[in-house]
Amino acid sequence: MTKKYFGTDGIRGAINSKNINGEMFFKFGLASGTYFKSQKKKKQIAIIAKDTRLSGYTLEPALVSGLASAGMHVYTLGPLPTNGLAMLTKVMKANMGIMITASHNPHHDNGLKLFGPDGMKLSDKIEKKIEKLIDKKINKNLSNPENLGRVKRLESGTNDYVKILRKNFTKDFNLKGLKIVIDCANGAGYKAGPELLRSLGAKVIAIGVKPNGLNINKNCGSTFPRNIRNAVKRYKAHLGISLDGDADRIIMCDESSNIIDGDQIIAALATRWKNKKMLKGGVVGTLMSNYSLEKFLKYKKIKFIRANVGDRYVKEKMKKNNFNLGGEQSGHIILGKFATTGDGLLVALEVLYAIRKQKKASQFFNKFKKTPQILKNIEVKDRSIVNKLEVKKSIQAAEKLMKGHGRILVRKSGTESKIRVMGESTNKKLLTKCINIISKKIK
């Protein structure tokens, strides 16, 4: 059974659309609060964080109202990276954590991500149970007046999160002598990112740290890495860090201005962790992971498994196979030793810890040469277009041409009204031809 509201990473869409509005967020709060309250935990606590979208001011009160109406006590944390919310959900022993965000999407989108008491994103099974409660009549889930939840704002969220991150490393770890560029995408990490790096002694050039509610991810952040490339070159920095709107993704840049994507970061960390005997099992990638990453890990005798796209599915496969490293090309990287979901700042610290003495990021990265890859994101009104016979025939025709020379992947976006068409091959001419065959038919 397909899900009605939840996609690959929570609920997401255009603000004031069918699902992303105050009325629906009240229902989401009421339904999720009712579900977690039924788990019969002594304390009934929900914590909420958000990114910097203007629409957060309309959605958060509605969500809080729904949760309190279900009898949940609510703590609001303000802007905080997604994994900060996940970590604090666990530390505060809350029933649930909710992140109001549309991640790397533009400001006119918003949504939410739900976490259980273990700091993990919810399973499909639990999401379907919550969906059933969303569609129930409101008065079925409302608490009696004496059982309503209380609401409190906590101002210490950023400081608490930074302390948790620092505790994962040795007390003498510092970044003195390192010049670092960080682009916070005018998003949730705009305070925590620079504060963390400065607290460790680094000289920090911070960009994307002036959110106005409308400029999140706008020509900045992990989907626009040229900013850190230019800044690293201009300021002669040792490293560039680029986060997305909720800071669960990271793209980096070495001192020579080479952009380092998630696949290259994973390759470097897997190599280091294997050498240090820190790697458990192997690495989980996704269907989008570059083929050369798979070949490189095989050469290094490191197991590699592909999961469906979405860091939740990566984490599920990591847990199932007892692996402690996984992630996506887009920069969602899960360090299972430290976290339950992607965390750009945590990954940045792990990389900085590795290069703190040599100070040459280029020596740490660039483990393999990528197989040429083309990705086209095609906007559509209805994502089910991929199931149409003529589109299926075009995919089959492209796969027939590509056979033995590479691979083709066509999938619906789980977060946007787009079809993603990806291909990999060393034969660039053939690759372009195959991608165009499918793209033209979808368009």
Protein backbone atom coordinates (compact mmCIF):
# COMPACT_ATOMS: atom_id res chain seq x y z
CA MET A 1 0.00 0.00 0.00
CA THR A 2 1.41 3.38 -1.02
CA LYS A 3 1.51 6.21 1.49
CA LYS A 4 -0.91 9.12 1.19
CA TYR A 5 1.07 11.91 2.86
CA PHE A 6 4.63 10.74 3.56
CA GLY A 7 7.29 10.61 0.84
CA THR A 8 10.88 9.32 0.93
CA ASP A 9 11.83 11.92 3.54
CA GLY A 10 8.82 13.01 5.54
CA ILE A 11 6.06 15.25 4.18
CA ARG A 12 6.93 18.02 1.75
CA GLY A 13 5.31 20.39 -0.74
CA ALA A 14 4.47 23.97 -1.67
CA ILE A 15 3.35 26.18 1.21
CA ASN A 16 -0.44 26.70 1.45
CA SER A 17 -0.96 23.77 -0.91
CA LYS A 18 -3.11 20.70 -0.25
CA ASN A 19 -0.95 19.23 2.55
CA ILE A 20 1.35 22.08 3.62
CA ASN A 21 -0.87 24.52 5.47
CA GLY A 22 -1.97 25.33 9.01
CA GLU A 23 -5.03 23.09 8.97
CA MET A 24 -3.07 20.03 7.83
CA PHE A 25 -0.20 20.67 10.25
CA PHE A 26 -2.71 20.75 13.11
CA LYS A 27 -3.91 17.34 11.90
CA PHE A 28 -0.31 16.06 11.54
CA GLY A 29 0.43 17.18 15.11
CA LEU A 30 -2.76 15.69 16.49
CA ALA A 31 -2.25 12.37 14.67
CA SER A 32 1.45 11.92 15.49
CA GLY A 33 0.86 13.02 19.10
CA THR A 34 -2.01 10.53 19.42
CA TYR A 35 0.12 7.71 18.00
CA PHE A 36 3.13 8.30 20.27
CA LYS A 37 0.93 8.90 23.31
CA SER A 38 -0.55 5.44 22.73
CA GLN A 39 2.95 3.94 23.25
CA LYS A 40 2.32 4.48 27.00
CA LYS A 41 5.56 6.20 27.87
CA LYS A 42 5.48 7.95 31.27
CA LYS A 43 6.35 11.41 29.97
CA GLN A 44 4.45 12.70 26.95
CA ILE A 45 7.01 15.00 25.28
CA ALA A 46 7.49 16.23 21.72
CA ILE A 47 10.28 18.56 20.65
CA ILE A 48 10.19 20.72 17.53
CA ALA A 49 12.95 22.41 15.55
CA LYS A 50 12.80 24.15 12.18
CA ASP A 51 14.84 25.74 9.44
CA THR A 52 14.60 29.43 8.52
CA ARG A 53 11.68 29.53 6.07
CA LEU A 54 9.16 32.33 6.56
CA SER A 55 6.38 29.74 6.37
CA GLY A 56 7.72 28.10 9.53
CA TYR A 57 5.97 30.87 11.49
CA THR A 58 2.59 29.72 10.14
CA LEU A 59 3.18 25.97 10.36
CA GLU A 60 4.87 25.66 13.76
CA PRO A 61 1.96 27.10 15.82
CA ALA A 62 -0.49 24.80 14.04
CA LEU A 63 1.72 21.77 14.69
CA VAL A 64 2.17 22.76 18.34
CA SER A 65 -1.59 23.17 18.71
CA GLY A 66 -2.21 19.69 17.30
CA LEU A 67 0.36 18.07 19.59
CA ALA A 68 -0.87 19.88 22.70
CA SER A 69 -4.47 18.99 21.78
CA ALA A 70 -3.38 15.33 21.75
CA GLY A 71 -1.99 15.77 25.27
CA MET A 72 1.69 16.06 24.38
CA HIS A 73 3.96 18.52 26.21
CA VAL A 74 5.88 20.45 23.56
CA TYR A 75 9.33 22.07 23.59
CA THR A 76 10.20 24.33 20.64
CA LEU A 77 13.90 24.83 19.84
CA GLY A 78 13.86 27.30 16.95
CA PRO A 79 16.31 26.97 14.01
CA LEU A 80 18.48 23.86 14.42
CA PRO A 81 20.02 21.27 12.06
CA THR A 82 17.94 18.13 11.53
CA ASN A 83 20.41 15.83 13.29
CA GLY A 84 20.55 18.26 16.21
CA LEU A 85 16.82 17.66 16.60
CA ALA A 86 17.35 13.88 16.29
CA MET A 87 20.14 13.90 18.89
CA LEU A 88 18.17 16.03 21.36
CA THR A 89 15.07 13.84 20.93
CA LYS A 90 17.16 10.96 22.26
CA VAL A 91 19.01 12.96 24.94
CA MET A 92 15.80 14.55 26.30
CA LYS A 93 14.06 11.13 26.27
CA ALA A 94 11.19 12.62 24.28
CA ASN A 95 8.49 10.49 22.67
CA MET A 96 9.12 12.15 19.33
CA GLY A 97 10.94 14.91 17.48
CA ILE A 98 9.61 16.90 14.54
CA MET A 99 11.74 18.95 12.15
CA ILE A 100 9.86 21.57 10.13
CA THR A 101 11.83 21.79 6.89
CA ALA A 102 11.86 21.20 3.17
CA SER A 103 15.61 20.47 3.27
CA HIS A 104 17.32 21.61 0.03
CA ASN A 105 14.08 22.82 -1.62
CA PRO A 106 13.43 26.56 -2.25
CA HIS A 107 11.68 28.78 0.32
CA HIS A 108 8.20 28.35 -1.15
CA ASP A 109 8.23 24.67 -0.09
CA ASN A 110 8.05 23.33 3.44
CA GLY A 111 7.31 20.10 5.25
CA LEU A 112 8.27 17.97 8.22
CA LYS A 113 10.44 15.02 9.22
CA LEU A 114 9.44 12.83 12.15
CA PHE A 115 11.79 11.03 14.55
CA GLY A 116 11.03 8.40 17.16
CA PRO A 117 12.42 8.29 20.75
CA ASP A 118 15.55 6.52 19.45
CA GLY A 119 16.38 9.49 17.20
CA MET A 120 15.59 7.40 14.10
CA LYS A 121 13.33 8.45 11.24
CA LEU A 122 10.05 6.58 11.34
CA SER A 123 9.53 3.35 9.42
CA ASP A 124 7.01 3.07 6.59
CA LYS A 125 4.87 0.95 8.92
CA ILE A 126 4.61 3.66 11.59
CA GLU A 127 4.05 6.39 9.00
CA LYS A 128 1.08 4.43 7.61
CA LYS A 129 -0.39 4.13 11.12
CA ILE A 130 -0.08 7.90 11.60
CA GLU A 131 -1.68 8.47 8.19
CA LYS A 132 -4.77 6.53 9.32
CA LEU A 133 -5.04 8.81 12.36
CA ILE A 134 -4.69 11.93 10.17
CA ASP A 135 -7.81 10.96 8.25
CA LYS A 136 -9.89 10.27 11.37
CA LYS A 137 -12.41 12.84 12.60
CA ILE A 138 -10.58 15.41 14.74
CA ASN A 139 -12.79 15.03 17.81
CA LYS A 140 -11.80 11.33 18.03
CA ASN A 141 -8.24 12.27 19.06
CA LEU A 142 -8.75 15.45 21.15
CA SER A 143 -7.73 15.25 24.82
CA ASN A 144 -9.92 16.29 27.71
CA PRO A 145 -9.24 19.90 28.84
CA GLU A 146 -7.35 18.81 31.98
CA ASN A 147 -5.05 16.58 29.89
CA LEU A 148 -3.92 19.18 27.34
CA GLY A 149 -0.17 19.50 26.82
CA ARG A 150 1.95 22.47 27.90
CA VAL A 151 4.27 24.38 25.58
CA LYS A 152 7.70 25.84 26.34
CA ARG A 153 10.46 27.45 24.26
CA LEU A 154 14.03 26.21 24.89
CA GLU A 155 16.81 28.63 23.94
CA SER A 156 19.71 26.24 24.56
CA GLY A 157 19.20 23.96 21.54
CA THR A 158 22.19 25.17 19.48
CA ASN A 159 24.60 25.09 22.43
CA ASP A 160 23.42 21.63 23.50
CA TYR A 161 23.84 20.30 19.95
CA VAL A 162 27.35 21.77 19.59
CA LYS A 163 28.37 20.19 22.93
CA ILE A 164 27.10 16.78 21.79
CA LEU A 165 29.09 17.05 18.54
CA ARG A 166 32.30 18.01 20.34
CA LYS A 167 31.97 15.11 22.82
CA ASN A 168 32.46 12.67 19.94
CA PHE A 169 36.10 13.74 19.61
CA THR A 170 39.12 13.87 21.88
CA LYS A 171 39.37 16.79 24.32
CA ASP A 172 42.57 18.07 22.70
CA PHE A 173 40.96 18.25 19.22
CA ASN A 174 41.29 21.76 17.85
CA LEU A 175 41.36 23.51 14.49
CA LYS A 176 43.97 26.17 15.26
CA GLY A 177 45.86 27.16 12.13
CA LEU A 178 43.04 26.10 9.80
CA LYS A 179 41.12 28.57 7.67
CA ILE A 180 37.67 27.22 6.78
CA VAL A 181 34.91 28.51 4.53
CA ILE A 182 31.39 27.44 5.50
CA ASP A 183 28.22 28.11 3.49
CA CYS A 184 25.15 27.53 5.68
CA ALA A 185 22.59 28.03 2.86
CA ASN A 186 20.84 30.71 4.95
CA GLY A 187 19.31 27.71 6.68
CA ALA A 188 19.07 25.80 9.94
CA GLY A 189 22.84 25.59 10.48
CA TYR A 190 23.52 29.33 10.21
CA LYS A 191 24.26 29.63 13.94
CA ALA A 192 25.55 26.16 14.85
CA GLY A 193 28.00 25.86 11.93
CA PRO A 194 30.19 28.93 12.48
CA GLU A 195 29.89 28.66 16.29
CA LEU A 196 31.13 25.06 16.26
CA LEU A 197 34.16 25.76 14.07
CA ARG A 198 35.12 28.93 15.95
CA SER A 199 34.81 27.13 19.29
CA LEU A 200 37.51 24.74 18.05
CA GLY A 201 39.87 27.58 17.14
CA ALA A 202 39.45 27.76 13.36
CA LYS A 203 39.49 30.99 11.39
CA VAL A 204 36.04 30.95 9.80
CA ILE A 205 34.74 32.66 6.67
CA ALA A 206 30.97 32.24 6.98
CA ILE A 207 28.60 32.78 4.06
CA GLY A 208 24.89 32.01 3.74
CA VAL A 209 24.37 33.12 7.36
CA LYS A 210 21.87 35.94 6.85
CA PRO A 211 18.48 34.24 6.54
CA ASN A 212 15.50 36.46 5.78
CA GLY A 213 12.89 33.74 5.44
CA LEU A 214 12.99 33.79 1.65
CA ASN A 215 16.66 33.18 0.75
CA ILE A 216 17.16 29.65 2.12
CA ASN A 217 19.04 27.55 -0.51
CA LYS A 218 18.82 30.49 -2.96
CA ASN A 219 22.03 30.45 -5.02
CA CYS A 220 23.85 29.06 -2.00
CA GLY A 221 24.44 25.89 -0.02
CA SER A 222 25.15 22.32 -1.10
CA THR A 223 23.13 22.62 -4.34
CA PHE A 224 25.25 25.64 -5.34
CA PRO A 225 28.83 24.60 -4.42
CA ARG A 226 30.54 27.19 -6.63
CA ASN A 227 30.21 29.58 -3.65
CA ILE A 228 32.65 27.62 -1.51
CA ARG A 229 34.90 26.97 -4.51
CA ASN A 230 35.19 30.73 -5.16
CA ALA A 231 35.58 31.59 -1.47
CA VAL A 232 38.26 28.93 -0.84
CA LYS A 233 40.22 30.32 -3.79
CA ARG A 234 39.73 33.94 -2.74
CA TYR A 235 40.65 33.49 0.94
CA LYS A 236 43.22 30.72 0.36
CA ALA A 237 41.34 28.49 2.79
CA HIS A 238 42.25 24.92 3.72
CA LEU A 239 38.73 23.59 3.27
CA GLY A 240 35.23 24.57 2.17
CA ILE A 241 32.02 23.22 3.73
CA SER A 242 28.61 23.63 2.13
CA LEU A 243 25.40 22.63 3.93
CA ASP A 244 21.80 22.50 2.73
CA GLY A 245 18.73 24.14 4.27
CA ASP A 246 18.43 21.77 7.24
CA ALA A 247 22.16 20.96 7.40
CA ASP A 248 21.81 17.20 6.95
CA ARG A 249 23.76 17.33 3.67
CA ILE A 250 27.35 18.33 3.02
CA ILE A 251 29.39 19.05 -0.08
CA MET A 252 33.03 20.03 0.41
CA CYS A 253 35.91 21.71 -1.41
CA ASP A 254 39.63 21.04 -0.97
CA GLU A 255 42.37 23.69 -0.84
CA SER A 256 42.82 23.42 -4.62
CA SER A 257 39.14 24.37 -5.19
CA ASN A 258 38.06 20.86 -6.22
CA ILE A 259 34.42 20.15 -5.33
CA ILE A 260 34.05 16.97 -3.27
CA ASP A 261 30.64 15.28 -3.42
CA GLY A 262 29.12 12.70 -1.09
CA ASP A 263 30.60 9.71 -2.96
CA GLN A 264 34.15 11.07 -2.62
CA ILE A 265 33.60 11.88 1.07
CA ILE A 266 32.31 8.34 1.70
CA ALA A 267 35.31 6.81 -0.12
CA ALA A 268 37.75 8.84 1.97
CA LEU A 269 36.02 8.06 5.28
CA ALA A 270 35.64 4.35 4.45
CA THR A 271 39.37 4.15 3.69
CA ARG A 272 40.30 5.93 6.91
CA TRP A 273 37.89 3.92 9.04
CA LYS A 274 39.12 0.63 7.60
CA ASN A 275 42.74 1.57 8.28
CA LYS A 276 41.83 2.59 11.83
CA LYS A 277 39.73 -0.58 12.30
CA MET A 278 36.65 1.61 12.89
CA LEU A 279 34.64 0.36 9.90
CA LYS A 280 31.92 -2.16 10.72
CA GLY A 281 30.73 -4.45 7.92
CA GLY A 282 31.04 -2.10 4.98
CA VAL A 283 29.33 0.82 3.24
CA VAL A 284 25.73 1.39 2.17
CA GLY A 285 25.22 3.63 -0.88
CA THR A 286 22.15 4.19 -3.02
CA LEU A 287 20.96 3.55 -6.55
CA MET A 288 22.45 6.98 -7.40
CA SER A 289 25.94 6.25 -6.04
CA ASN A 290 28.61 6.53 -8.74
CA TYR A 291 29.71 3.20 -10.21
CA SER A 292 33.35 4.12 -9.62
CA LEU A 293 32.70 4.34 -5.88
CA GLU A 294 31.50 0.74 -5.99
CA LYS A 295 34.62 -0.30 -7.96
CA PHE A 296 36.94 1.59 -5.60
CA LEU A 297 35.45 -0.02 -2.49
CA LYS A 298 35.65 -3.45 -4.12
CA TYR A 299 39.36 -2.80 -4.85
CA LYS A 300 39.82 -1.86 -1.17
CA LYS A 301 37.98 -5.07 -0.16
CA ILE A 302 35.18 -3.08 1.46
CA LYS A 303 31.65 -4.46 1.10
CA PHE A 304 29.21 -2.19 -0.72
CA ILE A 305 25.41 -2.43 -0.78
CA ARG A 306 22.94 -0.17 -2.59
CA ALA A 307 19.72 1.04 -0.94
CA ASN A 308 16.79 2.99 -2.33
CA VAL A 309 17.33 6.76 -2.55
CA GLY A 310 16.74 8.50 0.79
CA ASP A 311 18.92 8.53 3.90
CA ARG A 312 16.16 6.75 5.84
CA TYR A 313 16.52 3.72 3.55
CA VAL A 314 20.31 3.93 3.83
CA LYS A 315 20.05 3.86 7.63
CA GLU A 316 17.62 0.93 7.55
CA LYS A 317 20.04 -1.10 5.43
CA MET A 318 22.97 -0.10 7.67
CA LYS A 319 21.05 -1.36 10.69
CA LYS A 320 19.97 -4.58 8.97
CA ASN A 321 23.54 -5.43 7.87
CA ASN A 322 25.28 -3.99 10.95
CA PHE A 323 27.25 -1.44 8.88
CA ASN A 324 28.29 1.89 10.41
CA LEU A 325 28.88 4.04 7.31
CA GLY A 326 26.52 4.96 4.51
CA GLY A 327 25.23 7.83 2.45
CA GLU A 328 24.32 9.47 -0.81
CA GLN A 329 26.11 11.32 -3.57
CA SER A 330 24.05 14.41 -2.66
CA GLY A 331 25.87 14.64 0.67
CA HIS A 332 23.52 12.82 3.07
CA ILE A 333 26.13 10.85 4.99
CA ILE A 334 25.38 8.79 8.10
CA LEU A 335 28.19 8.09 10.54
CA GLY A 336 26.56 5.22 12.38
CA LYS A 337 29.15 5.38 15.15
CA PHE A 338 27.85 8.81 16.13
CA ALA A 339 24.44 9.55 14.57
CA THR A 340 21.10 8.13 13.41
CA THR A 341 20.66 10.40 10.39
CA GLY A 342 22.67 12.61 8.02
CA ASP A 343 24.60 15.45 9.66
CA GLY A 344 26.73 17.84 7.59
CA LEU A 345 28.53 19.34 10.58
CA LEU A 346 29.35 15.96 12.12
CA VAL A 347 30.81 14.75 8.80
CA ALA A 348 32.80 18.00 8.53
CA LEU A 349 34.29 17.40 11.99
CA GLU A 350 35.24 13.82 11.12
CA VAL A 351 37.04 15.06 7.98
CA LEU A 352 38.71 17.92 9.86
CA TYR A 353 39.84 15.52 12.58
CA ALA A 354 41.50 13.41 9.89
CA ILE A 355 43.32 16.33 8.16
CA ARG A 356 44.02 18.50 11.22
CA LYS A 357 47.77 17.79 11.12
CA GLN A 358 48.53 17.54 7.40
CA LYS A 359 46.07 20.38 6.57
CA LYS A 360 45.85 19.14 2.98
CA ALA A 361 42.29 18.11 2.17
CA SER A 362 43.33 17.11 -1.36
CA GLN A 363 45.51 14.32 0.08
CA PHE A 364 42.53 12.95 2.01
CA PHE A 365 39.99 13.11 -0.83
CA ASN A 366 40.01 12.26 -4.56
CA LYS A 367 40.17 8.49 -4.06
CA PHE A 368 38.76 7.59 -7.48
CA LYS A 369 37.92 9.07 -10.86
CA LYS A 370 34.16 9.29 -11.29
CA THR A 371 32.36 7.46 -14.06
CA PRO A 372 30.73 10.19 -16.21
CA GLN A 373 27.19 10.67 -14.98
CA ILE A 374 24.28 12.71 -16.32
CA LEU A 375 21.28 13.55 -14.15
CA LYS A 376 18.22 15.30 -15.55
CA ASN A 377 15.45 16.50 -13.25
CA ILE A 378 12.27 16.86 -15.30
CA GLU A 379 9.36 18.80 -13.83
CA VAL A 380 6.02 17.03 -14.31
CA LYS A 381 2.43 17.56 -13.19
CA ASP A 382 1.94 13.88 -12.42
CA ARG A 383 4.86 11.64 -11.39
CA SER A 384 2.93 8.52 -12.46
CA ILE A 385 3.86 9.44 -16.05
CA VAL A 386 6.78 7.00 -15.67
CA ASN A 387 4.24 4.17 -15.71
CA LYS A 388 2.90 5.10 -19.17
CA LEU A 389 3.59 2.57 -21.90
CA GLU A 390 5.43 4.98 -24.24
CA VAL A 391 7.74 6.12 -21.41
CA LYS A 392 8.43 2.50 -20.41
CA LYS A 393 9.27 1.70 -24.05
CA SER A 394 11.73 4.62 -24.22
CA ILE A 395 13.44 3.37 -21.03
CA GLN A 396 13.69 -0.14 -22.49
CA ALA A 397 15.14 1.26 -25.75
CA ALA A 398 17.75 3.28 -23.84
CA GLU A 399 18.67 0.31 -21.64
CA LYS A 400 19.11 -1.87 -24.72
CA LEU A 401 21.51 0.67 -26.26
CA MET A 402 23.38 1.07 -22.97
CA LYS A 403 23.72 -2.66 -22.23
CA GLY A 404 27.33 -3.49 -21.42
CA HIS A 405 28.39 0.18 -21.53
CA GLY A 406 26.82 1.59 -18.36
CA ARG A 407 23.51 1.89 -16.56
CA ILE A 408 20.26 3.89 -16.62
CA LEU A 409 18.05 4.78 -13.65
CA VAL A 410 14.65 6.49 -13.90
CA ARG A 411 12.76 7.28 -10.71
CA LYS A 412 10.13 9.55 -9.24
CA SER A 413 11.42 12.19 -6.84
CA GLY A 414 10.13 11.50 -3.36
CA THR A 415 10.21 15.19 -2.41
CA GLU A 416 9.37 17.19 -5.56
CA SER A 417 7.10 16.97 -8.65
CA LYS A 418 9.97 15.72 -10.76
CA ILE A 419 11.17 12.62 -12.58
CA ARG A 420 14.90 12.01 -12.18
CA VAL A 421 16.67 10.43 -15.17
CA MET A 422 20.23 9.33 -14.43
CA GLY A 423 22.77 7.51 -16.54
CA GLU A 424 26.42 6.46 -16.18
CA SER A 425 28.88 5.44 -18.87
CA THR A 426 32.44 6.04 -20.04
CA ASN A 427 30.90 6.49 -23.51
CA LYS A 428 29.66 10.08 -23.10
CA LYS A 429 28.09 10.28 -26.57
CA LEU A 430 26.03 7.13 -25.98
CA LEU A 431 25.14 8.32 -22.48
CA THR A 432 23.77 11.65 -23.76
CA LYS A 433 21.78 9.88 -26.47
CA CYS A 434 20.15 7.46 -24.01
CA ILE A 435 19.26 10.19 -21.51
CA ASN A 436 17.71 12.29 -24.29
CA ILE A 437 15.58 9.37 -25.56
CA ILE A 438 13.89 9.07 -22.15
CA SER A 439 13.77 12.79 -21.30
CA LYS A 440 12.07 13.76 -24.57
CA LYS A 441 9.37 11.12 -24.08
CA ILE A 442 8.67 12.26 -20.50
CA LYS A 443 8.52 15.90 -21.57
